[in-house]
C-alpha atoms as a PDB file:
ATOM      1  CA  UNK A   1      15.170   5.131  25.882  1.00  0.00           C
ATOM      2  CA  UNK A   2      12.191   6.192  27.956  1.00  0.00           C
ATOM      3  CA  UNK A   3       8.771   7.218  26.634  1.00  0.00           C
ATOM      4  CA  UNK A   4       7.372  10.625  27.536  1.00  0.00           C
ATOM      5  CA  UNK A   5       3.843   9.173  27.753  1.00  0.00           C
ATOM      6  CA  UNK A   6       1.981   6.007  26.816  1.00  0.00           C
ATOM      7  CA  UNK A   7      -0.450   7.838  24.485  1.00  0.00           C
ATOM      8  CA  UNK A   8       0.533   7.163  20.838  1.00  0.00           C
ATOM      9  CA  UNK A   9       1.778  10.221  18.984  1.00  0.00           C
ATOM     10  CA  UNK A  10       0.923   8.812  15.566  1.00  0.00           C
ATOM     11  CA  UNK A  11      -1.908   7.104  13.687  1.00  0.00           C
ATOM     12  CA  UNK A  12      -1.915   3.515  12.553  1.00  0.00           C
ATOM     13  CA  UNK A  13      -2.023   2.850   8.817  1.00  0.00           C
ATOM     14  CA  UNK A  14      -5.735   1.980   8.999  1.00  0.00           C
ATOM     15  CA  UNK A  15      -6.617   5.023  11.134  1.00  0.00           C
ATOM     16  CA  UNK A  16      -4.834   7.371   8.790  1.00  0.00           C
ATOM     17  CA  UNK A  17      -6.379   5.877   5.647  1.00  0.00           C
ATOM     18  CA  UNK A  18      -9.887   6.087   7.129  1.00  0.00           C
ATOM     19  CA  UNK A  19      -9.285   9.726   8.071  1.00  0.00           C
ATOM     20  CA  UNK A  20      -7.943  10.541   4.604  1.00  0.00           C
ATOM     21  CA  UNK A  21     -10.879   8.971   2.787  1.00  0.00           C
ATOM     22  CA  UNK A  22     -13.461  10.645   5.029  1.00  0.00           C
ATOM     23  CA  UNK A  23     -14.043  13.313   2.373  1.00  0.00           C
ATOM     24  CA  UNK A  24     -17.293  15.321   2.325  1.00  0.00           C
ATOM     25  CA  UNK A  25     -19.317  15.011  -0.869  1.00  0.00           C
ATOM     26  CA  UNK A  26     -22.328  16.910  -2.166  1.00  0.00           C
ATOM     27  CA  UNK A  27     -22.432  15.936  -5.831  1.00  0.00           C
ATOM     28  CA  UNK A  28     -20.609  15.981  -9.151  1.00  0.00           C
ATOM     29  CA  UNK A  29     -18.829  19.278  -9.788  1.00  0.00           C
ATOM     30  CA  UNK A  30     -19.741  20.502 -13.280  1.00  0.00           C
ATOM     31  CA  UNK A  31     -18.170  23.951 -13.117  1.00  0.00           C
ATOM     32  CA  UNK A  32     -14.425  24.686 -13.128  1.00  0.00           C
ATOM     33  CA  UNK A  33     -12.811  25.535  -9.818  1.00  0.00           C
ATOM     34  CA  UNK A  34     -10.761  28.643  -9.130  1.00  0.00           C
ATOM     35  CA  UNK A  35      -8.472  29.579  -6.263  1.00  0.00           C
ATOM     36  CA  UNK A  36      -4.854  28.932  -5.276  1.00  0.00           C
ATOM     37  CA  UNK A  37      -5.161  25.125  -5.605  1.00  0.00           C
ATOM     38  CA  UNK A  38      -5.934  25.527  -9.341  1.00  0.00           C
ATOM     39  CA  UNK A  39      -2.348  26.456 -10.212  1.00  0.00           C
ATOM     40  CA  UNK A  40      -0.558  25.819 -13.486  1.00  0.00           C
ATOM     41  CA  UNK A  41       3.110  24.930 -13.375  1.00  0.00           C
ATOM     42  CA  UNK A  42       4.154  27.160 -16.289  1.00  0.00           C
ATOM     43  CA  UNK A  43       2.817  30.199 -14.426  1.00  0.00           C
ATOM     44  CA  UNK A  44       4.656  29.652 -11.124  1.00  0.00           C
ATOM     45  CA  UNK A  45       7.961  31.152 -10.043  1.00  0.00           C
ATOM     46  CA  UNK A  46      10.279  29.426  -7.569  1.00  0.00           C
ATOM     47  CA  UNK A  47       9.808  32.361  -5.208  1.00  0.00           C
ATOM     48  CA  UNK A  48       6.144  31.342  -4.968  1.00  0.00           C
ATOM     49  CA  UNK A  49       6.820  27.974  -3.402  1.00  0.00           C
ATOM     50  CA  UNK A  50      10.399  27.798  -2.036  1.00  0.00           C
ATOM     51  CA  UNK A  51      10.636  28.845   1.632  1.00  0.00           C
ATOM     52  CA  UNK A  52      14.226  29.404   2.827  1.00  0.00           C
ATOM     53  CA  UNK A  53      14.916  28.558   6.464  1.00  0.00           C
ATOM     54  CA  UNK A  54      17.294  30.800   8.410  1.00  0.00           C
ATOM     55  CA  UNK A  55      19.784  29.932  11.150  1.00  0.00           C
ATOM     56  CA  UNK A  56      17.363  30.950  13.906  1.00  0.00           C
ATOM     57  CA  UNK A  57      14.703  28.549  12.638  1.00  0.00           C
ATOM     58  CA  UNK A  58      17.050  25.605  12.131  1.00  0.00           C
ATOM     59  CA  UNK A  59      18.655  26.401  15.489  1.00  0.00           C
ATOM     60  CA  UNK A  60      15.298  26.076  17.228  1.00  0.00           C
ATOM     61  CA  UNK A  61      14.835  22.657  15.652  1.00  0.00           C
ATOM     62  CA  UNK A  62      18.346  21.650  16.648  1.00  0.00           C
ATOM     63  CA  UNK A  63      17.665  22.648  20.266  1.00  0.00           C
ATOM     64  CA  UNK A  64      14.461  20.557  20.212  1.00  0.00           C
ATOM     65  CA  UNK A  65      16.432  17.552  18.968  1.00  0.00           C
ATOM     66  CA  UNK A  66      18.945  18.036  21.794  1.00  0.00           C
ATOM     67  CA  UNK A  67      16.139  18.040  24.391  1.00  0.00           C
ATOM     68  CA  UNK A  68      14.771  14.769  23.043  1.00  0.00           C
ATOM     69  CA  UNK A  69      18.187  13.123  23.066  1.00  0.00           C
ATOM     70  CA  UNK A  70      19.028  14.437  26.548  1.00  0.00           C
ATOM     71  CA  UNK A  71      15.808  12.935  27.908  1.00  0.00           C
ATOM     72  CA  UNK A  72      16.315   9.642  26.074  1.00  0.00           C
ATOM     73  CA  UNK A  73      12.894   9.716  24.379  1.00  0.00           C
ATOM     74  CA  UNK A  74      12.423   7.370  21.428  1.00  0.00           C
ATOM     75  CA  UNK A  75      11.365   9.141  18.222  1.00  0.00           C
ATOM     76  CA  UNK A  76       7.937   7.496  18.062  1.00  0.00           C
ATOM     77  CA  UNK A  77       7.240   8.501  21.685  1.00  0.00           C
ATOM     78  CA  UNK A  78       8.013  12.212  21.271  1.00  0.00           C
ATOM     79  CA  UNK A  79       4.996  14.439  21.875  1.00  0.00           C
ATOM     80  CA  UNK A  80       4.524  17.935  20.532  1.00  0.00           C
ATOM     81  CA  UNK A  81       4.554  19.286  24.088  1.00  0.00           C
ATOM     82  CA  UNK A  82       8.000  17.772  24.602  1.00  0.00           C
ATOM     83  CA  UNK A  83       9.442  19.955  21.860  1.00  0.00           C
ATOM     84  CA  UNK A  84       7.810  23.403  21.714  1.00  0.00           C
ATOM     85  CA  UNK A  85       8.793  25.533  18.718  1.00  0.00           C
ATOM     86  CA  UNK A  86       7.536  29.018  19.626  1.00  0.00           C
ATOM     87  CA  UNK A  87       9.598  30.821  17.024  1.00  0.00           C
ATOM     88  CA  UNK A  88       8.514  28.526  14.222  1.00  0.00           C
ATOM     89  CA  UNK A  89       4.883  28.307  15.361  1.00  0.00           C
ATOM     90  CA  UNK A  90       3.443  31.108  13.170  1.00  0.00           C
ATOM     91  CA  UNK A  91       5.340  29.815  10.146  1.00  0.00           C
ATOM     92  CA  UNK A  92       4.115  26.275  10.778  1.00  0.00           C
ATOM     93  CA  UNK A  93       0.545  27.586  10.898  1.00  0.00           C
ATOM     94  CA  UNK A  94       1.080  29.300   7.529  1.00  0.00           C
ATOM     95  CA  UNK A  95       2.564  26.144   5.987  1.00  0.00           C
ATOM     96  CA  UNK A  96      -0.325  24.034   7.275  1.00  0.00           C
ATOM     97  CA  UNK A  97      -2.828  26.475   5.745  1.00  0.00           C
ATOM     98  CA  UNK A  98      -0.935  26.393   2.455  1.00  0.00           C
ATOM     99  CA  UNK A  99      -1.282  22.607   2.378  1.00  0.00           C
ATOM    100  CA  UNK A 100      -4.883  22.457   3.551  1.00  0.00           C
ATOM    101  CA  UNK A 101      -6.535  25.350   1.741  1.00  0.00           C
ATOM    102  CA  UNK A 102      -3.868  27.087  -0.347  1.00  0.00           C
ATOM    103  CA  UNK A 103      -1.697  26.014  -3.264  1.00  0.00           C
ATOM    104  CA  UNK A 104      -1.271  22.573  -1.746  1.00  0.00           C
ATOM    105  CA  UNK A 105       2.520  22.378  -1.769  1.00  0.00           C
ATOM    106  CA  UNK A 106       5.712  24.124  -0.686  1.00  0.00           C
ATOM    107  CA  UNK A 107       9.394  23.372  -0.339  1.00  0.00           C
ATOM    108  CA  UNK A 108      11.345  24.265   2.790  1.00  0.00           C
ATOM    109  CA  UNK A 109      15.026  24.786   2.014  1.00  0.00           C
ATOM    110  CA  UNK A 110      17.999  24.867   4.330  1.00  0.00           C
ATOM    111  CA  UNK A 111      17.996  22.092   6.937  1.00  0.00           C
ATOM    112  CA  UNK A 112      21.724  21.454   7.664  1.00  0.00           C
ATOM    113  CA  UNK A 113      21.480  17.707   7.082  1.00  0.00           C
ATOM    114  CA  UNK A 114      25.147  17.252   6.207  1.00  0.00           C
ATOM    115  CA  UNK A 115      26.236  18.722   9.545  1.00  0.00           C
ATOM    116  CA  UNK A 116      23.478  16.992  11.506  1.00  0.00           C
ATOM    117  CA  UNK A 117      23.891  13.553   9.939  1.00  0.00           C
ATOM    118  CA  UNK A 118      21.085  11.170   9.043  1.00  0.00           C
ATOM    119  CA  UNK A 119      19.918  10.276  12.557  1.00  0.00           C
ATOM    120  CA  UNK A 120      19.611  13.836  13.899  1.00  0.00           C
ATOM    121  CA  UNK A 121      18.099  15.015  10.599  1.00  0.00           C
ATOM    122  CA  UNK A 122      15.419  12.315  10.811  1.00  0.00           C
ATOM    123  CA  UNK A 123      14.545  13.346  14.374  1.00  0.00           C
ATOM    124  CA  UNK A 124      14.368  17.046  13.437  1.00  0.00           C
ATOM    125  CA  UNK A 125      12.111  16.127  10.517  1.00  0.00           C
ATOM    126  CA  UNK A 126       9.839  14.079  12.790  1.00  0.00           C
ATOM    127  CA  UNK A 127       9.562  16.997  15.226  1.00  0.00           C
ATOM    128  CA  UNK A 128       8.661  19.297  12.348  1.00  0.00           C
ATOM    129  CA  UNK A 129       5.972  16.823  11.318  1.00  0.00           C
ATOM    130  CA  UNK A 130       4.524  16.686  14.835  1.00  0.00           C
ATOM    131  CA  UNK A 131       3.955  20.442  14.681  1.00  0.00           C
ATOM    132  CA  UNK A 132       2.441  20.332  11.203  1.00  0.00           C
ATOM    133  CA  UNK A 133      -0.036  17.543  11.881  1.00  0.00           C
ATOM    134  CA  UNK A 134      -0.261  13.977  13.147  1.00  0.00           C
ATOM    135  CA  UNK A 135       2.224  11.512  11.623  1.00  0.00           C
ATOM    136  CA  UNK A 136       0.982   8.120  10.563  1.00  0.00           C
ATOM    137  CA  UNK A 137       2.206   4.688   9.557  1.00  0.00           C
ATOM    138  CA  UNK A 138       2.882   4.191   5.860  1.00  0.00           C
ATOM    139  CA  UNK A 139       2.033   0.508   5.633  1.00  0.00           C
ATOM    140  CA  UNK A 140       0.370  -2.228   7.716  1.00  0.00           C
ATOM    141  CA  UNK A 141       3.791  -3.040   9.183  1.00  0.00           C
ATOM    142  CA  UNK A 142       3.820   0.357  10.907  1.00  0.00           C
ATOM    143  CA  UNK A 143       6.786   2.095   9.245  1.00  0.00           C
ATOM    144  CA  UNK A 144       6.726   5.768  10.265  1.00  0.00           C
ATOM    145  CA  UNK A 145       9.602   7.187   8.207  1.00  0.00           C
ATOM    146  CA  UNK A 146       9.904   5.698   4.731  1.00  0.00           C
ATOM    147  CA  UNK A 147      13.373   5.449   3.222  1.00  0.00           C
ATOM    148  CA  UNK A 148      13.161   6.343  -0.463  1.00  0.00           C
ATOM    149  CA  UNK A 149      16.320   4.745  -1.833  1.00  0.00           C
ATOM    150  CA  UNK A 150      17.310   2.412  -4.645  1.00  0.00           C
ATOM    151  CA  UNK A 151      17.676  -1.001  -3.005  1.00  0.00           C
ATOM    152  CA  UNK A 152      18.601  -2.659  -6.292  1.00  0.00           C
ATOM    153  CA  UNK A 153      15.167  -4.144  -6.907  1.00  0.00           C
ATOM    154  CA  UNK A 154      14.083  -4.551 -10.516  1.00  0.00           C
ATOM    155  CA  UNK A 155      12.197  -1.497 -11.773  1.00  0.00           C
ATOM    156  CA  UNK A 156      10.802  -3.666 -14.594  1.00  0.00           C
ATOM    157  CA  UNK A 157       8.892  -5.796 -12.068  1.00  0.00           C
ATOM    158  CA  UNK A 158       5.296  -4.492 -12.338  1.00  0.00           C
ATOM    159  CA  UNK A 159       4.609  -5.111  -8.633  1.00  0.00           C
ATOM    160  CA  UNK A 160       7.787  -3.838  -7.019  1.00  0.00           C
ATOM    161  CA  UNK A 161       7.413  -0.773  -4.771  1.00  0.00           C
ATOM    162  CA  UNK A 162       8.967   1.705  -7.182  1.00  0.00           C
ATOM    163  CA  UNK A 163      10.313   4.029  -4.506  1.00  0.00           C
ATOM    164  CA  UNK A 164      12.818   1.215  -3.778  1.00  0.00           C
ATOM    165  CA  UNK A 165      14.172   1.474  -7.334  1.00  0.00           C
ATOM    166  CA  UNK A 166      15.787   4.196  -9.441  1.00  0.00           C
ATOM    167  CA  UNK A 167      12.981   3.993 -12.005  1.00  0.00           C
ATOM    168  CA  UNK A 168      10.331   6.550 -12.729  1.00  0.00           C
ATOM    169  CA  UNK A 169       7.148   6.685 -10.622  1.00  0.00           C
ATOM    170  CA  UNK A 170       3.741   7.401 -12.165  1.00  0.00           C
ATOM    171  CA  UNK A 171       1.318   9.995 -10.837  1.00  0.00           C
ATOM    172  CA  UNK A 172      -0.315   9.070  -7.564  1.00  0.00           C
ATOM    173  CA  UNK A 173      -1.491  10.252  -4.149  1.00  0.00           C
ATOM    174  CA  UNK A 174      -0.595   8.722  -0.799  1.00  0.00           C
ATOM    175  CA  UNK A 175      -3.076   7.683   1.895  1.00  0.00           C
ATOM    176  CA  UNK A 176      -2.649  10.745   4.100  1.00  0.00           C
ATOM    177  CA  UNK A 177      -3.685  14.393   4.000  1.00  0.00           C
ATOM    178  CA  UNK A 178      -0.093  15.411   3.254  1.00  0.00           C
ATOM    179  CA  UNK A 179       3.231  13.800   2.411  1.00  0.00           C
ATOM    180  CA  UNK A 180       6.674  15.171   3.151  1.00  0.00           C
ATOM    181  CA  UNK A 181      10.013  14.274   1.590  1.00  0.00           C
ATOM    182  CA  UNK A 182      13.294  15.263   3.248  1.00  0.00           C
ATOM    183  CA  UNK A 183      16.339  15.068   0.986  1.00  0.00           C
ATOM    184  CA  UNK A 184      19.402  13.711   2.774  1.00  0.00           C
ATOM    185  CA  UNK A 185      21.347  13.140  -0.458  1.00  0.00           C
ATOM    186  CA  UNK A 186      20.447  13.984  -4.047  1.00  0.00           C
ATOM    187  CA  UNK A 187      20.890  11.835  -7.154  1.00  0.00           C
ATOM    188  CA  UNK A 188      23.822  12.219  -9.489  1.00  0.00           C
ATOM    189  CA  UNK A 189      21.399  12.821 -12.333  1.00  0.00           C
ATOM    190  CA  UNK A 190      17.596  12.854 -12.646  1.00  0.00           C
ATOM    191  CA  UNK A 191      15.134  12.046  -9.886  1.00  0.00           C
ATOM    192  CA  UNK A 192      13.083  15.213 -10.338  1.00  0.00           C
ATOM    193  CA  UNK A 193       9.856  15.451  -8.371  1.00  0.00           C
ATOM    194  CA  UNK A 194       7.002  16.029 -10.810  1.00  0.00           C
ATOM    195  CA  UNK A 195       3.793  17.470  -9.383  1.00  0.00           C
ATOM    196  CA  UNK A 196       0.539  18.733 -10.841  1.00  0.00           C
ATOM    197  CA  UNK A 197      -2.620  20.305  -9.455  1.00  0.00           C
ATOM    198  CA  UNK A 198      -5.408  17.715  -9.538  1.00  0.00           C
ATOM    199  CA  UNK A 199      -7.802  20.670  -9.512  1.00  0.00           C
ATOM    200  CA  UNK A 200      -6.320  22.023 -12.759  1.00  0.00           C
ATOM    201  CA  UNK A 201      -6.339  18.545 -14.320  1.00  0.00           C
ATOM    202  CA  UNK A 202     -10.019  18.271 -13.414  1.00  0.00           C
ATOM    203  CA  UNK A 203     -10.753  21.691 -14.931  1.00  0.00           C
ATOM    204  CA  UNK A 204      -9.064  20.654 -18.187  1.00  0.00           C
ATOM    205  CA  UNK A 205     -10.914  17.336 -18.278  1.00  0.00           C
ATOM    206  CA  UNK A 206     -14.179  19.177 -17.675  1.00  0.00           C
ATOM    207  CA  UNK A 207     -13.456  21.469 -20.612  1.00  0.00           C
ATOM    208  CA  UNK A 208     -12.439  18.691 -23.002  1.00  0.00           C
ATOM    209  CA  UNK A 209     -14.571  15.680 -22.058  1.00  0.00           C
ATOM    210  CA  UNK A 210     -17.322  16.590 -19.598  1.00  0.00           C
ATOM    211  CA  UNK A 211     -19.005  13.296 -20.454  1.00  0.00           C
ATOM    212  CA  UNK A 212     -16.191  11.408 -18.675  1.00  0.00           C
ATOM    213  CA  UNK A 213     -16.208  13.386 -15.435  1.00  0.00           C
ATOM    214  CA  UNK A 214     -19.022  11.486 -13.696  1.00  0.00           C
ATOM    215  CA  UNK A 215     -16.939   8.298 -13.645  1.00  0.00           C
ATOM    216  CA  UNK A 216     -14.418   9.984 -11.336  1.00  0.00           C
ATOM    217  CA  UNK A 217     -17.102  10.058  -8.620  1.00  0.00           C
ATOM    218  CA  UNK A 218     -17.785   6.333  -8.804  1.00  0.00           C
ATOM    219  CA  UNK A 219     -15.634   3.701  -7.077  1.00  0.00           C
ATOM    220  CA  UNK A 220     -12.513   2.448  -8.855  1.00  0.00           C
ATOM    221  CA  UNK A 221     -10.720  -0.711  -7.690  1.00  0.00           C
ATOM    222  CA  UNK A 222      -7.440   0.118  -5.927  1.00  0.00           C
ATOM    223  CA  UNK A 223      -4.975  -2.770  -5.902  1.00  0.00           C
ATOM    224  CA  UNK A 224      -3.396  -3.546  -2.525  1.00  0.00           C
ATOM    225  CA  UNK A 225      -0.348  -4.900  -4.381  1.00  0.00           C
ATOM    226  CA  UNK A 226       0.015  -7.748  -1.862  1.00  0.00           C
ATOM    227  CA  UNK A 227       0.612  -5.312   1.019  1.00  0.00           C
ATOM    228  CA  UNK A 228      -2.857  -5.446   2.543  1.00  0.00           C
ATOM    229  CA  UNK A 229      -1.713  -7.026   5.770  1.00  0.00           C
ATOM    230  CA  UNK A 230      -2.935 -10.263   7.252  1.00  0.00           C
ATOM    231  CA  UNK A 231      -6.487 -11.032   6.197  1.00  0.00           C
ATOM    232  CA  UNK A 232      -6.943  -7.733   4.370  1.00  0.00           C
ATOM    233  CA  UNK A 233      -8.705  -7.375   1.016  1.00  0.00           C
ATOM    234  CA  UNK A 234      -6.709  -7.704  -2.209  1.00  0.00           C
ATOM    235  CA  UNK A 235      -8.328  -4.507  -3.470  1.00  0.00           C
ATOM    236  CA  UNK A 236     -10.665  -1.803  -2.229  1.00  0.00           C
ATOM    237  CA  UNK A 237     -13.174   0.412  -4.060  1.00  0.00           C
ATOM    238  CA  UNK A 238     -12.264   4.118  -3.938  1.00  0.00           C
ATOM    239  CA  UNK A 239     -14.029   7.017  -5.691  1.00  0.00           C
ATOM    240  CA  UNK A 240     -11.241   9.264  -7.033  1.00  0.00           C
ATOM    241  CA  UNK A 241     -13.156  12.540  -6.599  1.00  0.00           C
ATOM    242  CA  UNK A 242     -15.283  14.065  -3.855  1.00  0.00           C
ATOM    243  CA  UNK A 243     -16.654  17.617  -4.079  1.00  0.00           C
ATOM    244  CA  UNK A 244     -18.243  19.742  -1.365  1.00  0.00           C
ATOM    245  CA  UNK A 245     -18.225  23.320  -0.153  1.00  0.00           C
ATOM    246  CA  UNK A 246     -16.620  24.611  -3.311  1.00  0.00           C
ATOM    247  CA  UNK A 247     -13.625  22.280  -2.901  1.00  0.00           C
ATOM    248  CA  UNK A 248     -12.517  19.229  -4.858  1.00  0.00           C
ATOM    249  CA  UNK A 249     -10.546  16.458  -3.168  1.00  0.00           C
ATOM    250  CA  UNK A 250      -8.954  13.866  -5.413  1.00  0.00           C
ATOM    251  CA  UNK A 251      -7.261  10.525  -4.810  1.00  0.00           C
ATOM    252  CA  UNK A 252      -5.548   9.098  -7.880  1.00  0.00           C
ATOM    253  CA  UNK A 253      -3.102   6.216  -8.206  1.00  0.00           C
ATOM    254  CA  UNK A 254      -2.275   5.329 -11.787  1.00  0.00           C
ATOM    255  CA  UNK A 255      -0.410   2.039 -11.307  1.00  0.00           C
ATOM    256  CA  UNK A 256      -2.657   0.714  -8.555  1.00  0.00           C
ATOM    257  CA  UNK A 257      -5.854   1.520 -10.426  1.00  0.00           C
ATOM    258  CA  UNK A 258      -4.592  -0.157 -13.577  1.00  0.00           C
ATOM    259  CA  UNK A 259      -3.180  -3.298 -11.943  1.00  0.00           C
ATOM    260  CA  UNK A 260      -6.345  -4.058  -9.948  1.00  0.00           C
ATOM    261  CA  UNK A 261      -7.886  -5.776 -12.962  1.00  0.00           C
ATOM    262  CA  UNK A 262      -5.481  -8.684 -12.373  1.00  0.00           C
ATOM    263  CA  UNK A 263      -7.850  -9.859  -9.642  1.00  0.00           C
ATOM    264  CA  UNK A 264     -10.582 -12.211 -10.927  1.00  0.00           C
ATOM    265  CA  UNK A 265     -13.353 -10.322  -9.133  1.00  0.00           C
ATOM    266  CA  UNK A 266     -12.431  -6.953 -10.695  1.00  0.00           C
ATOM    267  CA  UNK A 267     -14.060  -6.412 -14.098  1.00  0.00           C
ATOM    268  CA  UNK A 268     -11.865  -5.187 -16.972  1.00  0.00           C
ATOM    269  CA  UNK A 269     -11.977  -1.517 -17.874  1.00  0.00           C
ATOM    270  CA  UNK A 270     -14.557  -0.376 -20.354  1.00  0.00           C
ATOM    271  CA  UNK A 271     -13.376   1.632 -23.348  1.00  0.00           C
ATOM    272  CA  UNK A 272     -14.540   4.864 -21.699  1.00  0.00           C
ATOM    273  CA  UNK A 273     -12.790   4.010 -18.432  1.00  0.00           C
ATOM    274  CA  UNK A 274      -9.534   3.317 -20.241  1.00  0.00           C
ATOM    275  CA  UNK A 275      -9.929   6.552 -22.186  1.00  0.00           C
ATOM    276  CA  UNK A 276     -10.557   8.437 -18.945  1.00  0.00           C
ATOM    277  CA  UNK A 277      -7.386   7.124 -17.275  1.00  0.00           C
ATOM    278  CA  UNK A 278      -5.279   7.784 -20.375  1.00  0.00           C
ATOM    279  CA  UNK A 279      -6.588  11.306 -20.839  1.00  0.00           C
ATOM    280  CA  UNK A 280      -6.320  12.151 -17.145  1.00  0.00           C
ATOM    281  CA  UNK A 281      -2.645  11.150 -17.111  1.00  0.00           C
ATOM    282  CA  UNK A 282      -1.979  12.880 -20.426  1.00  0.00           C
ATOM    283  CA  UNK A 283      -3.330  16.113 -18.963  1.00  0.00           C
ATOM    284  CA  UNK A 284      -1.300  15.645 -15.776  1.00  0.00           C
ATOM    285  CA  UNK A 285       1.870  15.317 -17.864  1.00  0.00           C
ATOM    286  CA  UNK A 286       1.194  18.500 -19.849  1.00  0.00           C
ATOM    287  CA  UNK A 287       4.221  20.842 -19.399  1.00  0.00           C
ATOM    288  CA  UNK A 288       1.810  23.760 -19.076  1.00  0.00           C
ATOM    289  CA  UNK A 289       0.194  22.156 -16.023  1.00  0.00           C
ATOM    290  CA  UNK A 290       2.936  20.190 -14.286  1.00  0.00           C
ATOM    291  CA  UNK A 291       5.883  21.471 -12.260  1.00  0.00           C
ATOM    292  CA  UNK A 292       9.244  19.703 -11.994  1.00  0.00           C
ATOM    293  CA  UNK A 293      11.554  20.391  -9.073  1.00  0.00           C
ATOM    294  CA  UNK A 294      14.968  19.041  -8.170  1.00  0.00           C
ATOM    295  CA  UNK A 295      15.930  18.438  -4.553  1.00  0.00           C
ATOM    296  CA  UNK A 296      18.995  19.689  -2.725  1.00  0.00           C
ATOM    297  CA  UNK A 297      20.198  18.134   0.530  1.00  0.00           C
ATOM    298  CA  UNK A 298      18.201  19.759   3.324  1.00  0.00           C
ATOM    299  CA  UNK A 299      15.078  20.359   1.240  1.00  0.00           C
ATOM    300  CA  UNK A 300      11.691  19.334   2.672  1.00  0.00           C
ATOM    301  CA  UNK A 301       8.932  19.044   0.091  1.00  0.00           C
ATOM    302  CA  UNK A 302       5.395  19.117   1.524  1.00  0.00           C
ATOM    303  CA  UNK A 303       2.415  18.146  -0.651  1.00  0.00           C
ATOM    304  CA  UNK A 304      -1.334  17.853  -0.169  1.00  0.00           C
ATOM    305  CA  UNK A 305      -2.668  14.478  -1.275  1.00  0.00           C
ATOM    306  CA  UNK A 306      -6.104  16.032  -1.789  1.00  0.00           C
ATOM    307  CA  UNK A 307      -5.196  18.649  -4.426  1.00  0.00           C
ATOM    308  CA  UNK A 308      -1.814  17.586  -5.852  1.00  0.00           C
ATOM    309  CA  UNK A 309      -0.620  14.479  -7.698  1.00  0.00           C
ATOM    310  CA  UNK A 310       3.062  13.602  -7.522  1.00  0.00           C
ATOM    311  CA  UNK A 311       5.403  11.521  -9.658  1.00  0.00           C
ATOM    312  CA  UNK A 312       9.159  11.102 -10.143  1.00  0.00           C
ATOM    313  CA  UNK A 313      11.537  10.860 -13.067  1.00  0.00           C
ATOM    314  CA  UNK A 314      14.104   8.039 -13.205  1.00  0.00           C
ATOM    315  CA  UNK A 315      17.528   8.793 -11.802  1.00  0.00           C
ATOM    316  CA  UNK A 316      21.178   7.747 -11.785  1.00  0.00           C
ATOM    317  CA  UNK A 317      22.980   7.424  -8.466  1.00  0.00           C
ATOM    318  CA  UNK A 318      26.449   8.414  -7.409  1.00  0.00           C
ATOM    319  CA  UNK A 319      28.698   5.321  -7.501  1.00  0.00           C
ATOM    320  CA  UNK A 320      30.355   5.933  -4.113  1.00  0.00           C
ATOM    321  CA  UNK A 321      29.042   3.921  -1.174  1.00  0.00           C
ATOM    322  CA  UNK A 322      26.971   6.129   1.115  1.00  0.00           C
ATOM    323  CA  UNK A 323      26.459   8.822  -1.522  1.00  0.00           C
ATOM    324  CA  UNK A 324      23.276   7.406  -3.061  1.00  0.00           C
ATOM    325  CA  UNK A 325      20.069   9.429  -3.332  1.00  0.00           C
ATOM    326  CA  UNK A 326      18.213   9.144  -0.034  1.00  0.00           C
ATOM    327  CA  UNK A 327      14.919  10.746   0.908  1.00  0.00           C
ATOM    328  CA  UNK A 328      12.869  10.319   4.082  1.00  0.00           C
ATOM    329  CA  UNK A 329       9.105  10.173   3.599  1.00  0.00           C
ATOM    330  CA  UNK A 330       6.592  11.323   6.220  1.00  0.00           C
ATOM    331  CA  UNK A 331       2.796  10.995   6.085  1.00  0.00           C
ATOM    332  CA  UNK A 332       0.648  13.487   7.982  1.00  0.00           C
ATOM    333  CA  UNK A 333      -2.984  14.000   8.898  1.00  0.00           C
ATOM    334  CA  UNK A 334      -3.708  17.716   9.131  1.00  0.00           C
ATOM    335  CA  UNK A 335      -6.835  17.611  11.289  1.00  0.00           C
END
């Protein structure tokens, strides 16, 4: 394959993380926030957040994939200019706005992944990502498309990457402005995506325990879980919340916050800190706040990591070889 240019089309893991954490901050927010990002799951209808794709839109993507393959360009070398999507352009702009300053999530439905097959579907998904933002590596090793599948690893292992198991996944955010999941194959049972507005969780916490809110603006140790790369720190301090310009941006990672205390230079949680984490996650799990969605093959879920937390329920796979649940994960910077 030949590259279209030598300029990288994606961010490194470090570049993307630095961009994501470059969040403006003016001070502790002591008033509740309103607006589309402060949604409550019980009040949403599927017509609010499911966007069906028609044959014209998927056909434009398919033609873009054909151009890339005809030119022999490797996926990581494809540039946005190589694959113009004029028909989809206004829709892409709307979806980007929805992620950046709207509700913070949507689900595109209708990519013909069964007809396309895994390889063409992955390339179409990458092209879609190039037009939504700037893709980035998902770990220090430089993986650009994460394969969310059960590899048979033990879900009971506290330090296993849980997306490689069929177990549940606790609420968290990823180190990018937005994360996408393309469903190639769904689970036999379970595996629902569970999301919640971090803005609504904050509003509830503010109403119930305003005395705990300040701690969200102070650094919390984030465990690297032995994936820090060569010479990297075993943990990094991250303030979960930043507020500026009437907006709240939140980074939360339940498992990685809690496991950081295993390191000898991380102090144990105080009683108030433990109470804060427990209450925050209790609020996030409230059926009135959260939203569960099941994936169909060809669905693309897009989520803001600034205003939405995501989790997953455990699942059971189909027994047939090649029929197991398989999602492709994409990380994007939006600016």
